[in-house]
Each structure stands twice: as C-alpha cells, then as structure tokens.
Amino acid sequence: MTESHYQSALCTLIFGVFLAFWTNSGHAERVTVVDMNKSTISFVSKQMNVPVEGKFGKFSVQLVFDAAKPEEGRVQVELDLASIDTGSEEANDEVKGKGWFDVKRYPIARFVSTSVKALGTDRYELAGKLTLKGRTKDVIAPFTVRPQGQGATFDGAFVLKRLDYAIGEGAWSDTDTVANEVQVKFRILAVSPTSKK
C-alpha cells in the first residue's frame, strides 16, 4: 500500500475550507458555491523517502467570508472519506479499512473553523478543529485569495501529521517506511450562487 492511500483522503479534509467570494470591484460577499470542476485538493507525501502525489474529494461546505472583515469568517466542512480516489480500486479499498481511515466507523471527517486572520495583502490564516477517525486536533492553514471572474481562487498548503489521527496503524506506523508528515495543497474556486444560474 502506498502513501497515496491515506494521503488522498487527508488532502480532502482540507478541500473547501478556504472558500469565499471576491468581486472584481474589490467588494467581498458571502459565498456558498464551489466550482468542483475548477477546484483541486492534492497532497505530497513520502514512502521510503520517495515523493508520492495524489488527489481526492467529495465534500460539503458551509461558510461566511468577507475580505473586509476576515475575523468574522467561519467555515464548516464535512468530508465523505469513502469517496477517496487513489487511481487504484485495490488501493481505494485498502485505505478505507480499519488500519487507515476505517470508514465504516468514521465515514465523515469534519473541520470547524475557530478563527480567520489577515496576514497582509491577499494572505490569510485559517485556524480550526479537524476531526478524523474519532480524533480532534488543531489545524492552521495559510492561504491566498485572488479574484477570478465572478469569484475567487484560494491557494494554500499545510502539513498534516497522519499519526495524530491514527492513520496507518500497525506496521504502517513506521515513519521510516511511510512519512508522518503530509503536505496538503489546495486550489479552490468559489463563486456566488447567482453566478451559477
């Protein structure tokens, strides 16, 4: 089993966390629609010190974001972990198992924001609680926001430690074989509901 098996799902955890809407006039307003065709969540991990890339995503997002008042922003994301796609049916089945995501017991991963902080220019920092496989940990994710058409793109990356969530138990907990740190990268396009009509 490659590291992409658990990484694909981990990157999904972050997927819609950074959604918002930014008009060309510079005014911010609420957003509720993610353009899934133009949004990606990916990851880079290491197995036997060899980088492994993957992607995956099926999720729902509730959010409020105003670039003029980012401190009032809030986000809640729910992930369907069984929607993982590693590019291999065999790998998909394995990563859903008890030693990895255990989707029968824990089908949903959830992120709930606790704060949003402006870092200057188009940079922000999102903090919140990520619950995965029955464990809840703090997550901090920096991201940038740039206007694009009738919406905005959100780009960012952060490091997730898989063993904090018991992802990869038993022999797979050996970090010499599968690295503990996983870089999660995301590019999300968020648009207003009216732009989808």
N, C-alpha and C. Protein backbone atom coordinates (compact mmCIF):
# COMPACT_ATOMS: atom_id res chain seq x y z
N MET A 1 0.84 -1.19 0.00
CA MET A 1 0.00 0.00 0.00
C MET A 1 0.87 1.24 0.00
N THR A 2 0.62 2.15 -0.91
CA THR A 2 1.41 3.36 -0.99
C THR A 2 0.84 4.44 -0.09
N GLU A 3 1.63 5.48 0.13
CA GLU A 3 1.20 6.54 1.00
C GLU A 3 0.04 7.32 0.40
N SER A 4 -0.13 7.19 -0.88
CA SER A 4 -1.25 7.88 -1.52
C SER A 4 -2.58 7.37 -0.99
N HIS A 5 -2.57 6.17 -0.44
CA HIS A 5 -3.80 5.56 0.05
C HIS A 5 -4.43 6.38 1.16
N TYR A 6 -3.63 6.82 2.12
CA TYR A 6 -4.19 7.63 3.18
C TYR A 6 -4.11 9.10 2.83
N GLN A 7 -3.10 9.50 2.02
CA GLN A 7 -2.91 10.90 1.73
C GLN A 7 -4.05 11.47 0.93
N SER A 8 -4.57 10.70 0.00
CA SER A 8 -5.65 11.20 -0.83
C SER A 8 -6.78 11.69 0.05
N ALA A 9 -7.11 10.91 1.05
CA ALA A 9 -8.21 11.30 1.91
C ALA A 9 -7.84 12.48 2.79
N LEU A 10 -6.59 12.53 3.22
CA LEU A 10 -6.19 13.64 4.08
C LEU A 10 -6.33 14.96 3.36
N CYS A 11 -5.92 14.98 2.10
CA CYS A 11 -6.00 16.23 1.38
C CYS A 11 -7.44 16.66 1.21
N THR A 12 -8.32 15.69 1.14
CA THR A 12 -9.73 16.02 1.02
C THR A 12 -10.22 16.77 2.23
N LEU A 13 -9.61 16.50 3.37
CA LEU A 13 -10.08 17.12 4.59
C LEU A 13 -9.99 18.63 4.52
N ILE A 14 -9.18 19.05 3.67
CA ILE A 14 -8.96 20.48 3.64
C ILE A 14 -9.73 21.16 2.53
N PHE A 15 -10.03 20.40 1.53
CA PHE A 15 -10.72 20.75 0.28
C PHE A 15 -11.42 22.08 0.27
N GLY A 16 -12.61 22.28 0.90
CA GLY A 16 -13.39 23.50 0.75
C GLY A 16 -13.19 24.48 1.87
N VAL A 17 -12.21 24.24 2.73
CA VAL A 17 -12.05 25.04 3.93
C VAL A 17 -11.90 26.52 3.62
N PHE A 18 -11.31 26.88 2.48
CA PHE A 18 -10.93 28.27 2.25
C PHE A 18 -11.78 28.98 1.21
N LEU A 19 -13.05 28.65 1.18
CA LEU A 19 -13.92 29.21 0.17
C LEU A 19 -14.36 30.62 0.53
N ALA A 20 -14.54 31.45 -0.51
CA ALA A 20 -15.04 32.81 -0.34
C ALA A 20 -15.33 33.41 -1.69
N PHE A 21 -15.82 34.64 -1.67
CA PHE A 21 -16.13 35.29 -2.95
C PHE A 21 -15.57 36.69 -2.95
N TRP A 22 -14.93 37.08 -4.08
CA TRP A 22 -14.30 38.37 -4.18
C TRP A 22 -14.62 38.94 -5.54
N THR A 23 -15.40 40.00 -5.64
CA THR A 23 -15.78 40.54 -6.93
C THR A 23 -14.66 41.37 -7.53
N ASN A 24 -14.74 41.63 -8.82
CA ASN A 24 -13.72 42.43 -9.50
C ASN A 24 -13.66 43.85 -8.98
N SER A 25 -14.76 44.32 -8.39
CA SER A 25 -14.78 45.68 -7.86
C SER A 25 -14.07 45.76 -6.52
N GLY A 26 -13.69 44.61 -5.97
CA GLY A 26 -12.96 44.62 -4.71
C GLY A 26 -13.83 44.43 -3.49
N HIS A 27 -15.13 44.27 -3.68
CA HIS A 27 -16.03 44.04 -2.56
C HIS A 27 -16.18 42.55 -2.31
N ALA A 28 -16.23 42.20 -1.04
CA ALA A 28 -16.39 40.79 -0.69
C ALA A 28 -17.82 40.54 -0.24
N GLU A 29 -18.31 39.36 -0.45
CA GLU A 29 -19.64 38.99 0.00
C GLU A 29 -19.68 37.50 0.28
N ARG A 30 -20.82 37.02 0.72
CA ARG A 30 -20.94 35.62 1.07
C ARG A 30 -20.84 34.73 -0.16
N VAL A 31 -20.31 33.52 0.09
CA VAL A 31 -20.23 32.52 -0.97
C VAL A 31 -20.76 31.21 -0.44
N THR A 32 -21.44 30.47 -1.30
CA THR A 32 -21.95 29.16 -0.89
C THR A 32 -21.71 28.10 -1.95
N VAL A 33 -21.12 28.48 -3.07
CA VAL A 33 -20.98 27.55 -4.19
C VAL A 33 -19.51 27.33 -4.53
N VAL A 34 -19.11 26.07 -4.60
CA VAL A 34 -17.76 25.70 -5.00
C VAL A 34 -17.82 25.14 -6.41
N ASP A 35 -16.98 25.65 -7.28
CA ASP A 35 -16.91 25.12 -8.65
C ASP A 35 -15.99 23.90 -8.62
N MET A 36 -16.57 22.71 -8.48
CA MET A 36 -15.79 21.50 -8.33
C MET A 36 -14.97 21.16 -9.57
N ASN A 37 -15.42 21.62 -10.74
CA ASN A 37 -14.68 21.35 -11.97
C ASN A 37 -13.38 22.12 -12.04
N LYS A 38 -13.28 23.17 -11.24
CA LYS A 38 -12.08 24.00 -11.27
C LYS A 38 -11.37 24.04 -9.93
N SER A 39 -11.75 23.16 -9.03
CA SER A 39 -11.14 23.09 -7.71
C SER A 39 -10.38 21.78 -7.54
N THR A 40 -9.24 21.84 -6.88
CA THR A 40 -8.44 20.64 -6.67
C THR A 40 -7.90 20.60 -5.25
N ILE A 41 -7.82 19.41 -4.70
CA ILE A 41 -7.14 19.16 -3.43
C ILE A 41 -6.14 18.05 -3.71
N SER A 42 -4.90 18.30 -3.39
CA SER A 42 -3.86 17.31 -3.68
C SER A 42 -2.94 17.17 -2.48
N PHE A 43 -2.02 16.24 -2.55
CA PHE A 43 -1.08 16.03 -1.45
C PHE A 43 0.24 15.53 -1.98
N VAL A 44 1.26 15.72 -1.17
CA VAL A 44 2.57 15.14 -1.45
C VAL A 44 3.06 14.52 -0.14
N SER A 45 3.32 13.23 -0.17
CA SER A 45 3.87 12.53 0.98
C SER A 45 5.09 11.73 0.53
N LYS A 46 5.66 11.00 1.44
CA LYS A 46 6.84 10.22 1.08
C LYS A 46 6.72 8.79 1.59
N GLN A 47 7.04 7.84 0.71
CA GLN A 47 7.14 6.43 1.08
C GLN A 47 8.55 5.97 0.73
N MET A 48 9.25 5.49 1.75
CA MET A 48 10.66 5.12 1.57
C MET A 48 11.43 6.29 0.97
N ASN A 49 11.08 7.51 1.45
CA ASN A 49 11.71 8.76 1.05
C ASN A 49 11.45 9.14 -0.40
N VAL A 50 10.50 8.50 -1.03
CA VAL A 50 10.12 8.82 -2.42
C VAL A 50 8.81 9.60 -2.40
N PRO A 51 8.76 10.81 -2.99
CA PRO A 51 7.53 11.60 -3.00
C PRO A 51 6.39 10.85 -3.71
N VAL A 52 5.21 10.92 -3.11
CA VAL A 52 4.02 10.30 -3.68
C VAL A 52 2.93 11.37 -3.74
N GLU A 53 2.36 11.55 -4.92
CA GLU A 53 1.31 12.56 -5.09
C GLU A 53 -0.05 11.89 -5.30
N GLY A 54 -1.08 12.59 -4.91
CA GLY A 54 -2.43 12.07 -5.09
C GLY A 54 -3.46 13.18 -4.97
N LYS A 55 -4.71 12.83 -5.19
CA LYS A 55 -5.80 13.79 -5.06
C LYS A 55 -7.08 13.03 -4.72
N PHE A 56 -8.10 13.81 -4.32
CA PHE A 56 -9.37 13.19 -3.95
C PHE A 56 -10.32 14.24 -3.43
N GLY A 57 -11.65 14.00 -3.55
CA GLY A 57 -12.57 14.97 -2.99
C GLY A 57 -14.04 14.78 -3.25
N LYS A 58 -14.79 14.72 -2.16
CA LYS A 58 -16.25 14.81 -2.18
C LYS A 58 -16.62 15.39 -0.83
N PHE A 59 -17.22 16.57 -0.85
CA PHE A 59 -17.40 17.27 0.41
C PHE A 59 -18.53 18.28 0.34
N SER A 60 -18.93 18.78 1.51
CA SER A 60 -19.90 19.87 1.61
C SER A 60 -19.30 20.96 2.49
N VAL A 61 -19.67 22.20 2.19
CA VAL A 61 -19.09 23.34 2.90
C VAL A 61 -20.17 24.34 3.28
N GLN A 62 -20.11 24.82 4.52
CA GLN A 62 -20.91 25.96 4.96
C GLN A 62 -19.92 27.04 5.36
N LEU A 63 -20.08 28.25 4.81
CA LEU A 63 -19.08 29.26 5.11
C LEU A 63 -19.62 30.67 4.98
N VAL A 64 -18.94 31.57 5.67
CA VAL A 64 -19.14 33.01 5.52
C VAL A 64 -17.76 33.63 5.50
N PHE A 65 -17.49 34.45 4.49
CA PHE A 65 -16.19 35.11 4.41
C PHE A 65 -16.37 36.49 3.80
N ASP A 66 -15.81 37.49 4.47
CA ASP A 66 -15.82 38.86 3.97
C ASP A 66 -14.39 39.37 4.08
N ALA A 67 -13.78 39.69 2.95
CA ALA A 67 -12.39 40.13 2.95
C ALA A 67 -12.20 41.41 3.75
N ALA A 68 -13.26 42.20 3.90
CA ALA A 68 -13.18 43.43 4.68
C ALA A 68 -13.20 43.15 6.18
N LYS A 69 -13.78 41.99 6.54
CA LYS A 69 -13.87 41.60 7.95
C LYS A 69 -13.53 40.12 8.10
N PRO A 70 -12.31 39.73 7.76
CA PRO A 70 -11.96 38.30 7.79
C PRO A 70 -12.08 37.67 9.16
N GLU A 71 -11.93 38.48 10.21
CA GLU A 71 -12.02 37.92 11.57
C GLU A 71 -13.41 37.40 11.89
N GLU A 72 -14.40 37.80 11.10
CA GLU A 72 -15.77 37.32 11.31
C GLU A 72 -16.08 36.08 10.46
N GLY A 73 -15.12 35.64 9.70
CA GLY A 73 -15.32 34.48 8.83
C GLY A 73 -15.50 33.19 9.62
N ARG A 74 -16.24 32.27 9.04
CA ARG A 74 -16.41 30.95 9.67
C ARG A 74 -16.65 29.91 8.58
N VAL A 75 -16.17 28.72 8.84
CA VAL A 75 -16.24 27.64 7.86
C VAL A 75 -16.51 26.33 8.57
N GLN A 76 -17.38 25.51 7.98
CA GLN A 76 -17.55 24.13 8.42
C GLN A 76 -17.53 23.23 7.19
N VAL A 77 -16.67 22.21 7.24
CA VAL A 77 -16.51 21.30 6.11
C VAL A 77 -16.77 19.87 6.57
N GLU A 78 -17.50 19.13 5.76
CA GLU A 78 -17.70 17.70 6.03
C GLU A 78 -17.25 16.90 4.82
N LEU A 79 -16.44 15.85 5.09
CA LEU A 79 -15.86 15.01 4.05
C LEU A 79 -16.44 13.62 4.04
N ASP A 80 -16.73 13.14 2.89
CA ASP A 80 -17.11 11.74 2.73
C ASP A 80 -15.83 10.96 2.43
N LEU A 81 -15.28 10.30 3.44
CA LEU A 81 -13.99 9.63 3.29
C LEU A 81 -14.04 8.45 2.32
N ALA A 82 -15.22 7.89 2.14
CA ALA A 82 -15.35 6.76 1.22
C ALA A 82 -15.25 7.18 -0.24
N SER A 83 -15.21 8.49 -0.48
CA SER A 83 -15.10 8.99 -1.85
C SER A 83 -13.66 9.13 -2.31
N ILE A 84 -12.74 8.56 -1.56
CA ILE A 84 -11.32 8.63 -1.91
C ILE A 84 -11.05 8.00 -3.28
N ASP A 85 -10.13 8.60 -4.01
CA ASP A 85 -9.72 8.07 -5.31
C ASP A 85 -8.20 8.16 -5.41
N THR A 86 -7.55 7.03 -5.30
CA THR A 86 -6.09 6.97 -5.39
C THR A 86 -5.62 6.61 -6.78
N GLY A 87 -6.57 6.33 -7.68
CA GLY A 87 -6.21 5.88 -9.01
C GLY A 87 -6.16 4.37 -9.12
N SER A 88 -6.43 3.68 -8.00
CA SER A 88 -6.41 2.23 -7.97
C SER A 88 -7.56 1.73 -7.10
N GLU A 89 -8.43 0.89 -7.65
CA GLU A 89 -9.54 0.36 -6.88
C GLU A 89 -9.06 -0.44 -5.67
N GLU A 90 -8.00 -1.20 -5.88
CA GLU A 90 -7.44 -2.01 -4.78
C GLU A 90 -6.95 -1.11 -3.64
N ALA A 91 -6.24 -0.05 -4.02
CA ALA A 91 -5.74 0.89 -3.01
C ALA A 91 -6.89 1.62 -2.32
N ASN A 92 -7.90 1.99 -3.09
CA ASN A 92 -9.06 2.66 -2.51
C ASN A 92 -9.71 1.80 -1.44
N ASP A 93 -9.88 0.52 -1.74
CA ASP A 93 -10.50 -0.40 -0.78
C ASP A 93 -9.64 -0.54 0.47
N GLU A 94 -8.34 -0.61 0.28
CA GLU A 94 -7.44 -0.81 1.43
C GLU A 94 -7.43 0.39 2.36
N VAL A 95 -7.37 1.59 1.80
CA VAL A 95 -7.28 2.79 2.63
C VAL A 95 -8.57 3.07 3.38
N LYS A 96 -9.67 2.49 2.95
CA LYS A 96 -10.92 2.63 3.67
C LYS A 96 -10.99 1.72 4.90
N GLY A 97 -10.03 0.81 5.01
CA GLY A 97 -10.04 -0.19 6.06
C GLY A 97 -9.71 0.33 7.44
N LYS A 98 -9.82 -0.57 8.41
CA LYS A 98 -9.67 -0.21 9.82
C LYS A 98 -8.33 0.42 10.16
N GLY A 99 -7.26 -0.08 9.59
CA GLY A 99 -5.93 0.43 9.92
C GLY A 99 -5.65 1.81 9.38
N TRP A 100 -6.46 2.22 8.42
CA TRP A 100 -6.26 3.54 7.82
C TRP A 100 -7.42 4.45 8.20
N PHE A 101 -8.41 4.65 7.33
CA PHE A 101 -9.49 5.58 7.66
C PHE A 101 -10.67 4.94 8.39
N ASP A 102 -10.81 3.64 8.29
CA ASP A 102 -11.89 2.94 8.99
C ASP A 102 -13.23 3.61 8.71
N VAL A 103 -13.58 3.68 7.42
CA VAL A 103 -14.75 4.45 7.01
C VAL A 103 -16.07 3.86 7.50
N LYS A 104 -16.09 2.59 7.86
CA LYS A 104 -17.33 2.01 8.39
C LYS A 104 -17.69 2.64 9.74
N ARG A 105 -16.69 2.91 10.54
CA ARG A 105 -16.92 3.52 11.85
C ARG A 105 -16.88 5.04 11.78
N TYR A 106 -16.03 5.56 10.91
CA TYR A 106 -15.83 7.01 10.81
C TYR A 106 -15.95 7.47 9.36
N PRO A 107 -17.16 7.50 8.83
CA PRO A 107 -17.33 7.82 7.42
C PRO A 107 -17.10 9.29 7.07
N ILE A 108 -17.22 10.15 8.08
CA ILE A 108 -17.14 11.59 7.82
C ILE A 108 -15.98 12.21 8.58
N ALA A 109 -15.22 13.05 7.90
CA ALA A 109 -14.23 13.90 8.55
C ALA A 109 -14.82 15.31 8.59
N ARG A 110 -14.53 16.03 9.66
CA ARG A 110 -15.16 17.35 9.82
C ARG A 110 -14.13 18.39 10.25
N PHE A 111 -14.21 19.55 9.61
CA PHE A 111 -13.41 20.71 10.02
C PHE A 111 -14.35 21.83 10.42
N VAL A 112 -14.08 22.45 11.59
CA VAL A 112 -14.85 23.60 12.05
C VAL A 112 -13.87 24.70 12.40
N SER A 113 -14.01 25.85 11.76
CA SER A 113 -13.07 26.94 11.99
C SER A 113 -13.27 27.57 13.36
N THR A 114 -12.18 28.11 13.90
CA THR A 114 -12.23 28.86 15.15
C THR A 114 -11.81 30.31 14.95
N SER A 115 -11.04 30.58 13.90
CA SER A 115 -10.64 31.96 13.62
C SER A 115 -10.11 32.09 12.20
N VAL A 116 -10.21 33.32 11.67
CA VAL A 116 -9.59 33.68 10.40
C VAL A 116 -8.83 34.97 10.65
N LYS A 117 -7.58 35.01 10.21
CA LYS A 117 -6.74 36.18 10.47
C LYS A 117 -6.10 36.67 9.18
N ALA A 118 -6.15 37.99 8.96
CA ALA A 118 -5.50 38.59 7.81
C ALA A 118 -4.01 38.72 8.08
N LEU A 119 -3.18 38.34 7.10
CA LEU A 119 -1.73 38.42 7.24
C LEU A 119 -1.13 39.54 6.40
N GLY A 120 -1.97 40.19 5.61
CA GLY A 120 -1.48 41.27 4.76
C GLY A 120 -1.66 40.94 3.30
N THR A 121 -1.93 41.99 2.49
CA THR A 121 -2.18 41.84 1.06
C THR A 121 -3.30 40.83 0.84
N ASP A 122 -3.02 39.74 0.10
CA ASP A 122 -4.07 38.75 -0.17
C ASP A 122 -3.87 37.48 0.64
N ARG A 123 -3.14 37.59 1.75
CA ARG A 123 -2.80 36.41 2.56
C ARG A 123 -3.63 36.35 3.84
N TYR A 124 -4.02 35.12 4.19
CA TYR A 124 -4.84 34.89 5.38
C TYR A 124 -4.37 33.62 6.09
N GLU A 125 -4.85 33.47 7.31
CA GLU A 125 -4.56 32.26 8.08
C GLU A 125 -5.85 31.76 8.71
N LEU A 126 -6.15 30.50 8.45
CA LEU A 126 -7.35 29.87 8.99
C LEU A 126 -6.96 28.89 10.08
N ALA A 127 -7.62 28.98 11.21
CA ALA A 127 -7.41 28.03 12.31
C ALA A 127 -8.73 27.33 12.61
N GLY A 128 -8.62 26.07 13.05
CA GLY A 128 -9.84 25.34 13.38
C GLY A 128 -9.56 23.97 13.94
N LYS A 129 -10.62 23.20 14.12
CA LYS A 129 -10.54 21.85 14.67
C LYS A 129 -10.87 20.84 13.57
N LEU A 130 -9.96 19.91 13.36
CA LEU A 130 -10.17 18.85 12.39
C LEU A 130 -10.42 17.54 13.13
N THR A 131 -11.56 16.93 12.85
CA THR A 131 -11.90 15.64 13.46
C THR A 131 -11.83 14.56 12.40
N LEU A 132 -10.98 13.57 12.65
CA LEU A 132 -10.75 12.48 11.71
C LEU A 132 -10.54 11.20 12.50
N LYS A 133 -11.28 10.20 12.13
CA LYS A 133 -11.16 8.89 12.78
C LYS A 133 -11.32 8.99 14.30
N GLY A 134 -12.25 9.84 14.72
CA GLY A 134 -12.57 9.97 16.13
C GLY A 134 -11.62 10.83 16.93
N ARG A 135 -10.65 11.45 16.27
CA ARG A 135 -9.69 12.29 16.97
C ARG A 135 -9.81 13.72 16.46
N THR A 136 -9.69 14.68 17.37
CA THR A 136 -9.79 16.09 17.02
C THR A 136 -8.50 16.80 17.35
N LYS A 137 -7.95 17.51 16.37
CA LYS A 137 -6.70 18.24 16.54
C LYS A 137 -6.83 19.64 15.94
N ASP A 138 -5.97 20.54 16.42
CA ASP A 138 -5.92 21.89 15.86
C ASP A 138 -5.21 21.89 14.52
N VAL A 139 -5.72 22.69 13.60
CA VAL A 139 -5.11 22.85 12.28
C VAL A 139 -4.97 24.33 11.99
N ILE A 140 -3.82 24.73 11.45
CA ILE A 140 -3.61 26.10 11.00
C ILE A 140 -3.18 26.04 9.54
N ALA A 141 -3.88 26.76 8.69
CA ALA A 141 -3.62 26.69 7.26
C ALA A 141 -3.54 28.09 6.65
N PRO A 142 -2.38 28.53 6.20
CA PRO A 142 -2.28 29.81 5.47
C PRO A 142 -2.78 29.65 4.04
N PHE A 143 -3.38 30.71 3.50
CA PHE A 143 -3.87 30.65 2.13
C PHE A 143 -3.89 32.05 1.52
N THR A 144 -3.94 32.11 0.21
CA THR A 144 -4.05 33.38 -0.50
C THR A 144 -5.37 33.41 -1.26
N VAL A 145 -5.88 34.62 -1.47
CA VAL A 145 -7.14 34.81 -2.18
C VAL A 145 -6.90 35.77 -3.34
N ARG A 146 -7.34 35.36 -4.53
CA ARG A 146 -7.20 36.23 -5.70
C ARG A 146 -8.49 36.22 -6.51
N PRO A 147 -8.96 37.42 -6.94
CA PRO A 147 -10.17 37.50 -7.75
C PRO A 147 -10.01 36.73 -9.06
N GLN A 148 -11.08 36.07 -9.47
CA GLN A 148 -11.10 35.38 -10.77
C GLN A 148 -12.53 35.37 -11.29
N GLY A 149 -12.78 36.14 -12.32
CA GLY A 149 -14.12 36.21 -12.88
C GLY A 149 -15.13 36.63 -11.84
N GLN A 150 -16.21 35.87 -11.71
CA GLN A 150 -17.25 36.16 -10.74
C GLN A 150 -17.01 35.43 -9.42
N GLY A 151 -15.77 35.21 -9.09
CA GLY A 151 -15.45 34.52 -7.85
C GLY A 151 -14.02 34.78 -7.44
N ALA A 152 -13.42 33.82 -6.79
CA ALA A 152 -12.04 33.96 -6.34
C ALA A 152 -11.39 32.59 -6.21
N THR A 153 -10.09 32.57 -6.39
CA THR A 153 -9.34 31.33 -6.18
C THR A 153 -8.62 31.41 -4.84
N PHE A 154 -8.55 30.26 -4.19
CA PHE A 154 -7.91 30.14 -2.89
C PHE A 154 -6.82 29.08 -3.01
N ASP A 155 -5.59 29.53 -2.80
CA ASP A 155 -4.45 28.63 -2.91
C ASP A 155 -3.71 28.55 -1.59
N GLY A 156 -3.34 27.35 -1.19
CA GLY A 156 -2.58 27.22 0.04
C GLY A 156 -2.06 25.81 0.25
N ALA A 157 -1.32 25.65 1.32
CA ALA A 157 -0.75 24.35 1.67
C ALA A 157 -0.44 24.34 3.16
N PHE A 158 -0.48 23.16 3.75
CA PHE A 158 -0.08 23.00 5.15
C PHE A 158 0.36 21.56 5.37
N VAL A 159 0.97 21.32 6.50
CA VAL A 159 1.48 19.98 6.82
C VAL A 159 0.57 19.32 7.85
N LEU A 160 0.16 18.10 7.54
CA LEU A 160 -0.68 17.29 8.42
C LEU A 160 0.13 16.09 8.89
N LYS A 161 0.07 15.77 10.18
CA LYS A 161 0.75 14.60 10.72
C LYS A 161 -0.25 13.45 10.84
N ARG A 162 -0.09 12.45 10.01
CA ARG A 162 -1.08 11.37 9.91
C ARG A 162 -1.22 10.58 11.22
N LEU A 163 -0.14 10.39 11.96
CA LEU A 163 -0.21 9.59 13.18
C LEU A 163 -1.00 10.28 14.28
N ASP A 164 -1.18 11.60 14.18
CA ASP A 164 -2.03 12.30 15.14
C ASP A 164 -3.46 11.79 15.06
N TYR A 165 -3.82 11.21 13.91
CA TYR A 165 -5.17 10.71 13.68
C TYR A 165 -5.21 9.19 13.54
N ALA A 166 -4.13 8.52 13.92
CA ALA A 166 -4.05 7.06 13.81
C ALA A 166 -4.28 6.59 12.38
N ILE A 167 -3.75 7.34 11.43
CA ILE A 167 -3.87 6.97 10.02
C ILE A 167 -2.63 6.15 9.64
N GLY A 168 -2.83 4.89 9.40
CA GLY A 168 -1.72 3.97 9.14
C GLY A 168 -1.25 3.34 10.43
N GLU A 169 -1.99 2.35 10.91
CA GLU A 169 -1.66 1.71 12.18
C GLU A 169 -0.81 0.46 11.95
N GLY A 170 -0.35 -0.12 13.06
CA GLY A 170 0.45 -1.34 12.97
C GLY A 170 1.77 -1.08 12.25
N ALA A 171 2.09 -1.97 11.30
CA ALA A 171 3.36 -1.85 10.57
C ALA A 171 3.45 -0.53 9.82
N TRP A 172 2.30 0.05 9.44
CA TRP A 172 2.31 1.29 8.68
C TRP A 172 2.57 2.52 9.54
N SER A 173 2.68 2.34 10.86
CA SER A 173 3.02 3.46 11.73
C SER A 173 4.52 3.75 11.73
N ASP A 174 5.30 2.91 11.08
CA ASP A 174 6.74 3.10 10.96
C ASP A 174 7.01 4.27 10.01
N THR A 175 7.50 5.37 10.55
CA THR A 175 7.70 6.56 9.73
C THR A 175 8.93 6.46 8.84
N ASP A 176 9.74 5.43 9.02
CA ASP A 176 10.83 5.20 8.07
C ASP A 176 10.29 4.64 6.76
N THR A 177 9.14 3.99 6.86
CA THR A 177 8.50 3.44 5.66
C THR A 177 7.56 4.46 5.03
N VAL A 178 6.67 4.98 5.84
CA VAL A 178 5.72 6.00 5.37
C VAL A 178 5.89 7.23 6.26
N ALA A 179 6.23 8.36 5.66
CA ALA A 179 6.49 9.58 6.43
C ALA A 179 5.27 10.01 7.22
N ASN A 180 5.52 10.57 8.39
CA ASN A 180 4.43 11.06 9.22
C ASN A 180 3.83 12.34 8.66
N GLU A 181 4.67 13.18 8.09
CA GLU A 181 4.22 14.47 7.61
C GLU A 181 3.70 14.39 6.17
N VAL A 182 2.58 15.00 5.97
CA VAL A 182 1.93 15.02 4.67
C VAL A 182 1.67 16.48 4.29
N GLN A 183 2.14 16.89 3.14
CA GLN A 183 1.83 18.23 2.67
C GLN A 183 0.53 18.21 1.89
N VAL A 184 -0.43 18.98 2.36
CA VAL A 184 -1.72 19.07 1.70
C VAL A 184 -1.77 20.40 0.94
N LYS A 185 -2.10 20.33 -0.34
CA LYS A 185 -2.17 21.53 -1.17
C LYS A 185 -3.58 21.66 -1.75
N PHE A 186 -4.03 22.89 -1.89
CA PHE A 186 -5.38 23.09 -2.41
C PHE A 186 -5.45 24.31 -3.31
N ARG A 187 -6.31 24.20 -4.30
CA ARG A 187 -6.73 25.33 -5.12
C ARG A 187 -8.23 25.23 -5.27
N ILE A 188 -8.94 26.20 -4.70
CA ILE A 188 -10.40 26.19 -4.68
C ILE A 188 -10.93 27.41 -5.41
N LEU A 189 -11.89 27.19 -6.29
CA LEU A 189 -12.60 28.31 -6.90
C LEU A 189 -13.99 28.39 -6.28
N ALA A 190 -14.27 29.53 -5.67
CA ALA A 190 -15.59 29.75 -5.06
C ALA A 190 -16.31 30.85 -5.82
N VAL A 191 -17.61 30.68 -6.01
CA VAL A 191 -18.41 31.65 -6.75
C VAL A 191 -19.70 31.94 -6.00
N SER A 192 -20.37 32.99 -6.39
CA SER A 192 -21.65 33.34 -5.76
C SER A 192 -22.76 32.48 -6.34
N PRO A 193 -23.83 32.24 -5.61
CA PRO A 193 -24.95 31.44 -6.13
C PRO A 193 -25.52 32.00 -7.42
N THR A 194 -25.58 33.33 -7.55
CA THR A 194 -26.18 33.94 -8.74
C THR A 194 -25.35 33.69 -9.99
N SER A 195 -24.03 33.53 -9.82
CA SER A 195 -23.17 33.32 -11.00
C SER A 195 -23.36 31.94 -11.60
N LYS A 196 -24.00 31.01 -10.86
CA LYS A 196 -24.21 29.65 -11.36
C LYS A 196 -25.53 29.50 -12.10
N LYS A 197 -26.33 30.57 -12.08
CA LYS A 197 -27.64 30.49 -12.73
C LYS A 197 -27.53 30.69 -14.23
